[in-house]
Protein backbone atom coordinates (compact mmCIF):
# COMPACT_ATOMS: atom_id res chain seq x y z
CA MET A 1 5.79 1.04 -4.47
CA SER A 2 2.08 1.61 -5.05
CA LEU A 3 -0.06 4.18 -3.27
CA GLY A 4 -1.87 1.45 -1.34
CA ASN A 5 1.41 -0.03 -0.14
CA ASN A 6 2.60 3.41 0.96
CA ILE A 7 -0.62 4.02 2.91
CA LYS A 8 -0.27 0.65 4.64
CA LYS A 9 3.43 1.13 5.41
CA TYR A 10 3.05 4.58 6.95
CA ARG A 11 -0.13 3.61 8.83
CA ARG A 12 1.70 0.65 10.35
CA ASP A 13 4.80 2.78 11.09
CA LEU A 14 2.49 5.02 13.12
CA GLY A 15 1.02 2.00 14.90
CA MET A 16 -2.49 2.74 13.67
CA THR A 17 -5.29 0.42 12.65
CA GLN A 18 -7.31 0.98 9.50
CA GLU A 19 -10.21 2.09 11.68
CA GLU A 20 -8.07 4.66 13.51
CA LEU A 21 -6.83 6.13 10.23
CA ALA A 22 -10.36 6.16 8.89
CA GLY A 23 -11.58 8.05 11.95
CA ILE A 24 -8.94 10.75 11.50
CA LEU A 25 -9.84 11.11 7.82
CA CYS A 26 -13.62 10.98 8.48
CA ILE A 27 -14.08 8.01 6.17
CA THR A 28 -14.92 4.34 6.69
CA GLY A 29 -12.46 1.61 7.55
CA GLN A 30 -13.69 -0.18 4.45
CA ALA A 31 -12.41 2.71 2.30
CA VAL A 32 -8.94 2.44 3.85
CA SER A 33 -9.01 -1.31 3.25
CA LYS A 34 -9.88 -0.76 -0.41
CA TRP A 35 -7.05 1.74 -0.82
CA GLU A 36 -4.53 -0.63 0.70
CA SER A 37 -5.68 -3.58 -1.39
CA GLY A 38 -5.67 -1.55 -4.60
CA ALA A 39 -9.43 -1.97 -5.10
CA GLY A 40 -10.01 1.77 -4.73
CA CYS A 41 -8.17 5.06 -4.80
CA PRO A 42 -8.52 8.19 -2.63
CA MET A 43 -9.85 11.16 -4.54
């Protein structure tokens, strides 16, 4: 399972939206979307 799939799975298990996760991490929702789609990677 890829990192993006893991992020999506655990975010959904917690009942969170991408925007909610982004707010907790002080990043944009677009960054979370990129991670989950595999277009980007958290550093």
